[in-house]
Amino acid sequence: MADPAEQQPVDQAAELEAAVRDAIEACGGDPVDAVRALIVLNTALEQELADVYAKASHGFLRGRRVPKRND
């Protein structure tokens, strides 16, 4: 039986491959469209995270590496 520590990278690779196939399939089989959609989604998530950091209090963020606030 395989050691669980050795099995984990294989499982992660299989999950990643499945996610890649799902993303391409969701975009009608076009890998370029899939990459474009992922870039758009990633940009939206980055903006959402920046908004959360901007709304968080200075005390809560103390000691954490976060983007500089614009206020």
PDB file of N, CA and C in Angstrom:
ATOM      1  N   MET A   1       0.844  -1.180   0.000  1.00  0.00           N
ATOM      2  CA  MET A   1       0.000   0.000   0.000  1.00  0.00           C
ATOM      3  C   MET A   1       0.888   1.242   0.000  1.00  0.00           C
ATOM      4  N   ALA A   2       0.508   2.243  -0.757  1.00  0.00           N
ATOM      5  CA  ALA A   2       1.313   3.453  -0.894  1.00  0.00           C
ATOM      6  C   ALA A   2       1.247   4.295   0.372  1.00  0.00           C
ATOM      7  N   ASP A   3       2.377   4.927   0.663  1.00  0.00           N
ATOM      8  CA  ASP A   3       2.459   5.841   1.801  1.00  0.00           C
ATOM      9  C   ASP A   3       1.564   7.052   1.514  1.00  0.00           C
ATOM     10  N   PRO A   4       0.708   7.466   2.469  1.00  0.00           N
ATOM     11  CA  PRO A   4      -0.186   8.615   2.230  1.00  0.00           C
ATOM     12  C   PRO A   4       0.560   9.880   1.826  1.00  0.00           C
ATOM     13  N   ALA A   5       1.776  10.086   2.358  1.00  0.00           N
ATOM     14  CA  ALA A   5       2.555  11.275   2.007  1.00  0.00           C
ATOM     15  C   ALA A   5       2.961  11.247   0.535  1.00  0.00           C
ATOM     16  N   GLU A   6       3.230  10.049   0.006  1.00  0.00           N
ATOM     17  CA  GLU A   6       3.594   9.928  -1.402  1.00  0.00           C
ATOM     18  C   GLU A   6       2.367  10.043  -2.298  1.00  0.00           C
ATOM     19  N   GLN A   7       1.217   9.643  -1.813  1.00  0.00           N
ATOM     20  CA  GLN A   7      -0.013   9.665  -2.596  1.00  0.00           C
ATOM     21  C   GLN A   7      -0.557  11.078  -2.773  1.00  0.00           C
ATOM     22  N   GLN A   8      -0.303  11.968  -1.803  1.00  0.00           N
ATOM     23  CA  GLN A   8      -0.878  13.309  -1.843  1.00  0.00           C
ATOM     24  C   GLN A   8      -0.508  14.090  -3.108  1.00  0.00           C
ATOM     25  N   PRO A   9       0.770  14.156  -3.526  1.00  0.00           N
ATOM     26  CA  PRO A   9       1.076  14.900  -4.755  1.00  0.00           C
ATOM     27  C   PRO A   9       0.373  14.320  -5.983  1.00  0.00           C
ATOM     28  N   VAL A  10       0.228  13.005  -6.028  1.00  0.00           N
ATOM     29  CA  VAL A  10      -0.462  12.379  -7.157  1.00  0.00           C
ATOM     30  C   VAL A  10      -1.925  12.800  -7.159  1.00  0.00           C
ATOM     31  N   ASP A  11      -2.558  12.791  -5.978  1.00  0.00           N
ATOM     32  CA  ASP A  11      -3.952  13.210  -5.869  1.00  0.00           C
ATOM     33  C   ASP A  11      -4.118  14.671  -6.269  1.00  0.00           C
ATOM     34  N   GLN A  12      -3.195  15.521  -5.829  1.00  0.00           N
ATOM     35  CA  GLN A  12      -3.280  16.941  -6.169  1.00  0.00           C
ATOM     36  C   GLN A  12      -3.115  17.149  -7.669  1.00  0.00           C
ATOM     37  N   ALA A  13      -2.210  16.395  -8.276  1.00  0.00           N
ATOM     38  CA  ALA A  13      -2.007  16.512  -9.720  1.00  0.00           C
ATOM     39  C   ALA A  13      -3.254  16.066 -10.471  1.00  0.00           C
ATOM     40  N   ALA A  14      -3.879  15.003 -10.013  1.00  0.00           N
ATOM     41  CA  ALA A  14      -5.100  14.515 -10.662  1.00  0.00           C
ATOM     42  C   ALA A  14      -6.234  15.529 -10.509  1.00  0.00           C
ATOM     43  N   GLU A  15      -6.339  16.135  -9.325  1.00  0.00           N
ATOM     44  CA  GLU A  15      -7.366  17.157  -9.107  1.00  0.00           C
ATOM     45  C   GLU A  15      -7.124  18.369 -10.001  1.00  0.00           C
ATOM     46  N   LEU A  16      -5.867  18.758 -10.143  1.00  0.00           N
ATOM     47  CA  LEU A  16      -5.533  19.897 -10.999  1.00  0.00           C
ATOM     48  C   LEU A  16      -5.882  19.598 -12.453  1.00  0.00           C
ATOM     49  N   GLU A  17      -5.536  18.407 -12.915  1.00  0.00           N
ATOM     50  CA  GLU A  17      -5.861  18.025 -14.291  1.00  0.00           C
ATOM     51  C   GLU A  17      -7.367  18.037 -14.525  1.00  0.00           C
ATOM     52  N   ALA A  18      -8.125  17.550 -13.554  1.00  0.00           N
ATOM     53  CA  ALA A  18      -9.585  17.550 -13.675  1.00  0.00           C
ATOM     54  C   ALA A  18     -10.119  18.979 -13.717  1.00  0.00           C
ATOM     55  N   ALA A  19      -9.554  19.864 -12.898  1.00  0.00           N
ATOM     56  CA  ALA A  19      -9.983  21.264 -12.889  1.00  0.00           C
ATOM     57  C   ALA A  19      -9.664  21.939 -14.222  1.00  0.00           C
ATOM     58  N   VAL A  20      -8.516  21.620 -14.792  1.00  0.00           N
ATOM     59  CA  VAL A  20      -8.142  22.177 -16.096  1.00  0.00           C
ATOM     60  C   VAL A  20      -9.129  21.718 -17.162  1.00  0.00           C
ATOM     61  N   ARG A  21      -9.423  20.424 -17.171  1.00  0.00           N
ATOM     62  CA  ARG A  21     -10.383  19.900 -18.151  1.00  0.00           C
ATOM     63  C   ARG A  21     -11.757  20.544 -17.978  1.00  0.00           C
ATOM     64  N   ASP A  22     -12.182  20.718 -16.719  1.00  0.00           N
ATOM     65  CA  ASP A  22     -13.483  21.346 -16.447  1.00  0.00           C
ATOM     66  C   ASP A  22     -13.525  22.788 -16.947  1.00  0.00           C
ATOM     67  N   ALA A  23     -12.436  23.530 -16.728  1.00  0.00           N
ATOM     68  CA  ALA A  23     -12.389  24.931 -17.160  1.00  0.00           C
ATOM     69  C   ALA A  23     -12.456  25.034 -18.679  1.00  0.00           C
ATOM     70  N   ILE A  24     -11.724  24.175 -19.357  1.00  0.00           N
ATOM     71  CA  ILE A  24     -11.738  24.193 -20.821  1.00  0.00           C
ATOM     72  C   ILE A  24     -13.110  23.778 -21.339  1.00  0.00           C
ATOM     73  N   GLU A  25     -13.687  22.758 -20.734  1.00  0.00           N
ATOM     74  CA  GLU A  25     -15.021  22.301 -21.145  1.00  0.00           C
ATOM     75  C   GLU A  25     -16.070  23.394 -20.935  1.00  0.00           C
ATOM     76  N   ALA A  26     -15.951  24.127 -19.825  1.00  0.00           N
ATOM     77  CA  ALA A  26     -16.910  25.199 -19.532  1.00  0.00           C
ATOM     78  C   ALA A  26     -16.830  26.325 -20.558  1.00  0.00           C
ATOM     79  N   CYS A  27     -15.699  26.417 -21.243  1.00  0.00           N
ATOM     80  CA  CYS A  27     -15.518  27.460 -22.257  1.00  0.00           C
ATOM     81  C   CYS A  27     -15.663  26.892 -23.666  1.00  0.00           C
ATOM     82  N   GLY A  28     -16.462  25.861 -23.796  1.00  0.00           N
ATOM     83  CA  GLY A  28     -16.739  25.301 -25.117  1.00  0.00           C
ATOM     84  C   GLY A  28     -15.574  24.566 -25.742  1.00  0.00           C
ATOM     85  N   GLY A  29     -14.609  24.139 -24.938  1.00  0.00           N
ATOM     86  CA  GLY A  29     -13.472  23.395 -25.454  1.00  0.00           C
ATOM     87  C   GLY A  29     -12.331  24.261 -25.951  1.00  0.00           C
ATOM     88  N   ASP A  30     -12.437  25.562 -25.818  1.00  0.00           N
ATOM     89  CA  ASP A  30     -11.391  26.478 -26.293  1.00  0.00           C
ATOM     90  C   ASP A  30     -10.470  26.854 -25.137  1.00  0.00           C
ATOM     91  N   PRO A  31      -9.210  26.377 -25.166  1.00  0.00           N
ATOM     92  CA  PRO A  31      -8.294  26.686 -24.061  1.00  0.00           C
ATOM     93  C   PRO A  31      -7.972  28.176 -23.939  1.00  0.00           C
ATOM     94  N   VAL A  32      -7.958  28.900 -25.055  1.00  0.00           N
ATOM     95  CA  VAL A  32      -7.681  30.343 -24.996  1.00  0.00           C
ATOM     96  C   VAL A  32      -8.811  31.055 -24.254  1.00  0.00           C
ATOM     97  N   ASP A  33     -10.043  30.684 -24.543  1.00  0.00           N
ATOM     98  CA  ASP A  33     -11.180  31.267 -23.823  1.00  0.00           C
ATOM     99  C   ASP A  33     -11.127  30.910 -22.342  1.00  0.00           C
ATOM    100  N   ALA A  34     -10.676  29.695 -22.034  1.00  0.00           N
ATOM    101  CA  ALA A  34     -10.577  29.272 -20.632  1.00  0.00           C
ATOM    102  C   ALA A  34      -9.547  30.120 -19.893  1.00  0.00           C
ATOM    103  N   VAL A  35      -8.401  30.349 -20.514  1.00  0.00           N
ATOM    104  CA  VAL A  35      -7.368  31.185 -19.888  1.00  0.00           C
ATOM    105  C   VAL A  35      -7.886  32.607 -19.713  1.00  0.00           C
ATOM    106  N   ARG A  36      -8.561  33.126 -20.729  1.00  0.00           N
ATOM    107  CA  ARG A  36      -9.115  34.482 -20.651  1.00  0.00           C
ATOM    108  C   ARG A  36     -10.099  34.589 -19.485  1.00  0.00           C
ATOM    109  N   ALA A  37     -10.987  33.609 -19.366  1.00  0.00           N
ATOM    110  CA  ALA A  37     -11.975  33.622 -18.284  1.00  0.00           C
ATOM    111  C   ALA A  37     -11.299  33.543 -16.921  1.00  0.00           C
ATOM    112  N   LEU A  38     -10.256  32.735 -16.805  1.00  0.00           N
ATOM    113  CA  LEU A  38      -9.553  32.613 -15.528  1.00  0.00           C
ATOM    114  C   LEU A  38      -8.827  33.906 -15.164  1.00  0.00           C
ATOM    115  N   ILE A  39      -8.274  34.588 -16.155  1.00  0.00           N
ATOM    116  CA  ILE A  39      -7.607  35.867 -15.892  1.00  0.00           C
ATOM    117  C   ILE A  39      -8.622  36.903 -15.425  1.00  0.00           C
ATOM    118  N   VAL A  40      -9.774  36.953 -16.080  1.00  0.00           N
ATOM    119  CA  VAL A  40     -10.820  37.902 -15.678  1.00  0.00           C
ATOM    120  C   VAL A  40     -11.279  37.604 -14.256  1.00  0.00           C
ATOM    121  N   LEU A  41     -11.510  36.333 -13.955  1.00  0.00           N
ATOM    122  CA  LEU A  41     -11.944  35.949 -12.612  1.00  0.00           C
ATOM    123  C   LEU A  41     -10.876  36.279 -11.574  1.00  0.00           C
ATOM    124  N   ASN A  42      -9.617  36.012 -11.891  1.00  0.00           N
ATOM    125  CA  ASN A  42      -8.536  36.307 -10.955  1.00  0.00           C
ATOM    126  C   ASN A  42      -8.446  37.806 -10.680  1.00  0.00           C
ATOM    127  N   THR A  43      -8.612  38.620 -11.708  1.00  0.00           N
ATOM    128  CA  THR A  43      -8.595  40.074 -11.539  1.00  0.00           C
ATOM    129  C   THR A  43      -9.729  40.527 -10.629  1.00  0.00           C
ATOM    130  N   ALA A  44     -10.911  39.946 -10.821  1.00  0.00           N
ATOM    131  CA  ALA A  44     -12.050  40.296  -9.970  1.00  0.00           C
ATOM    132  C   ALA A  44     -11.798  39.891  -8.520  1.00  0.00           C
ATOM    133  N   LEU A  45     -11.192  38.724  -8.314  1.00  0.00           N
ATOM    134  CA  LEU A  45     -10.891  38.282  -6.950  1.00  0.00           C
ATOM    135  C   LEU A  45      -9.835  39.171  -6.297  1.00  0.00           C
ATOM    136  N   GLU A  46      -8.833  39.599  -7.071  1.00  0.00           N
ATOM    137  CA  GLU A  46      -7.824  40.512  -6.532  1.00  0.00           C
ATOM    138  C   GLU A  46      -8.461  41.828  -6.107  1.00  0.00           C
ATOM    139  N   GLN A  47      -9.391  42.333  -6.903  1.00  0.00           N
ATOM    140  CA  GLN A  47     -10.076  43.579  -6.562  1.00  0.00           C
ATOM    141  C   GLN A  47     -10.924  43.396  -5.314  1.00  0.00           C
ATOM    142  N   GLU A  48     -11.616  42.265  -5.223  1.00  0.00           N
ATOM    143  CA  GLU A  48     -12.433  41.991  -4.039  1.00  0.00           C
ATOM    144  C   GLU A  48     -11.562  41.926  -2.783  1.00  0.00           C
ATOM    145  N   LEU A  49     -10.403  41.297  -2.889  1.00  0.00           N
ATOM    146  CA  LEU A  49      -9.492  41.217  -1.751  1.00  0.00           C
ATOM    147  C   LEU A  49      -8.978  42.600  -1.365  1.00  0.00           C
ATOM    148  N   ALA A  50      -8.646  43.417  -2.354  1.00  0.00           N
ATOM    149  CA  ALA A  50      -8.194  44.780  -2.071  1.00  0.00           C
ATOM    150  C   ALA A  50      -9.293  45.574  -1.377  1.00  0.00           C
ATOM    151  N   ASP A  51     -10.540  45.372  -1.790  1.00  0.00           N
ATOM    152  CA  ASP A  51     -11.667  46.058  -1.147  1.00  0.00           C
ATOM    153  C   ASP A  51     -11.816  45.623   0.306  1.00  0.00           C
ATOM    154  N   VAL A  52     -11.642  44.339   0.572  1.00  0.00           N
ATOM    155  CA  VAL A  52     -11.740  43.833   1.949  1.00  0.00           C
ATOM    156  C   VAL A  52     -10.641  44.444   2.807  1.00  0.00           C
ATOM    157  N   TYR A  53      -9.410  44.477   2.287  1.00  0.00           N
ATOM    158  CA  TYR A  53      -8.314  45.082   3.044  1.00  0.00           C
ATOM    159  C   TYR A  53      -8.583  46.560   3.301  1.00  0.00           C
ATOM    160  N   ALA A  54      -9.153  47.246   2.321  1.00  0.00           N
ATOM    161  CA  ALA A  54      -9.425  48.675   2.479  1.00  0.00           C
ATOM    162  C   ALA A  54     -10.474  48.929   3.555  1.00  0.00           C
ATOM    163  N   LYS A  55     -11.386  47.992   3.756  1.00  0.00           N
ATOM    164  CA  LYS A  55     -12.454  48.160   4.742  1.00  0.00           C
ATOM    165  C   LYS A  55     -12.068  47.649   6.130  1.00  0.00           C
ATOM    166  N   ALA A  56     -10.995  46.874   6.223  1.00  0.00           N
ATOM    167  CA  ALA A  56     -10.588  46.317   7.515  1.00  0.00           C
ATOM    168  C   ALA A  56      -9.904  47.392   8.355  1.00  0.00           C
ATOM    169  N   SER A  57     -10.057  47.281   9.669  1.00  0.00           N
ATOM    170  CA  SER A  57      -9.466  48.278  10.564  1.00  0.00           C
ATOM    171  C   SER A  57      -7.951  48.131  10.610  1.00  0.00           C
ATOM    172  N   HIS A  58      -7.272  49.238  10.934  1.00  0.00           N
ATOM    173  CA  HIS A  58      -5.815  49.196  11.066  1.00  0.00           C
ATOM    174  C   HIS A  58      -5.405  48.243  12.180  1.00  0.00           C
ATOM    175  N   GLY A  59      -6.148  48.207  13.276  1.00  0.00           N
ATOM    176  CA  GLY A  59      -5.816  47.324  14.391  1.00  0.00           C
ATOM    177  C   GLY A  59      -5.889  45.862  14.008  1.00  0.00           C
ATOM    178  N   PHE A  60      -6.881  45.496  13.229  1.00  0.00           N
ATOM    179  CA  PHE A  60      -7.024  44.108  12.799  1.00  0.00           C
ATOM    180  C   PHE A  60      -5.875  43.709  11.888  1.00  0.00           C
ATOM    181  N   LEU A  61      -5.424  44.635  11.055  1.00  0.00           N
ATOM    182  CA  LEU A  61      -4.391  44.328  10.076  1.00  0.00           C
ATOM    183  C   LEU A  61      -2.974  44.454  10.624  1.00  0.00           C
ATOM    184  N   ARG A  62      -2.822  44.966  11.837  1.00  0.00           N
ATOM    185  CA  ARG A  62      -1.497  45.191  12.409  1.00  0.00           C
ATOM    186  C   ARG A  62      -0.668  43.909  12.354  1.00  0.00           C
ATOM    187  N   GLY A  63       0.542  44.016  11.844  1.00  0.00           N
ATOM    188  CA  GLY A  63       1.454  42.885  11.795  1.00  0.00           C
ATOM    189  C   GLY A  63       1.250  41.971  10.595  1.00  0.00           C
ATOM    190  N   ARG A  64       0.287  42.255   9.764  1.00  0.00           N
ATOM    191  CA  ARG A  64       0.046  41.424   8.585  1.00  0.00           C
ATOM    192  C   ARG A  64       0.588  42.138   7.352  1.00  0.00           C
ATOM    193  N   ARG A  65       1.031  41.363   6.399  1.00  0.00           N
ATOM    194  CA  ARG A  65       1.491  41.937   5.135  1.00  0.00           C
ATOM    195  C   ARG A  65       0.287  42.128   4.237  1.00  0.00           C
ATOM    196  N   VAL A  66      -0.093  43.359   4.069  1.00  0.00           N
ATOM    197  CA  VAL A  66      -1.262  43.676   3.244  1.00  0.00           C
ATOM    198  C   VAL A  66      -0.922  44.861   2.354  1.00  0.00           C
ATOM    199  N   PRO A  67      -1.653  45.020   1.264  1.00  0.00           N
ATOM    200  CA  PRO A  67      -1.420  46.191   0.414  1.00  0.00           C
ATOM    201  C   PRO A  67      -1.688  47.476   1.184  1.00  0.00           C
ATOM    202  N   LYS A  68      -0.987  48.549   0.798  1.00  0.00           N
ATOM    203  CA  LYS A  68      -1.200  49.840   1.457  1.00  0.00           C
ATOM    204  C   LYS A  68      -2.602  50.338   1.199  1.00  0.00           C
ATOM    205  N   ARG A  69      -3.179  50.948   2.224  1.00  0.00           N
ATOM    206  CA  ARG A  69      -4.530  51.507   2.113  1.00  0.00           C
ATOM    207  C   ARG A  69      -4.466  52.832   1.378  1.00  0.00           C
ATOM    208  N   ASN A  70      -5.543  53.168   0.698  1.00  0.00           N
ATOM    209  CA  ASN A  70      -5.602  54.407  -0.085  1.00  0.00           C
ATOM    210  C   ASN A  70      -6.313  55.532   0.634  1.00  0.00           C
ATOM    211  N   ASP A  71      -6.649  55.367   1.925  1.00  0.00           N
ATOM    212  CA  ASP A  71      -7.401  56.418   2.623  1.00  0.00           C
ATOM    213  C   ASP A  71      -6.542  57.297   3.461  1.00  0.00           C
TER     214      ASP A  71
END
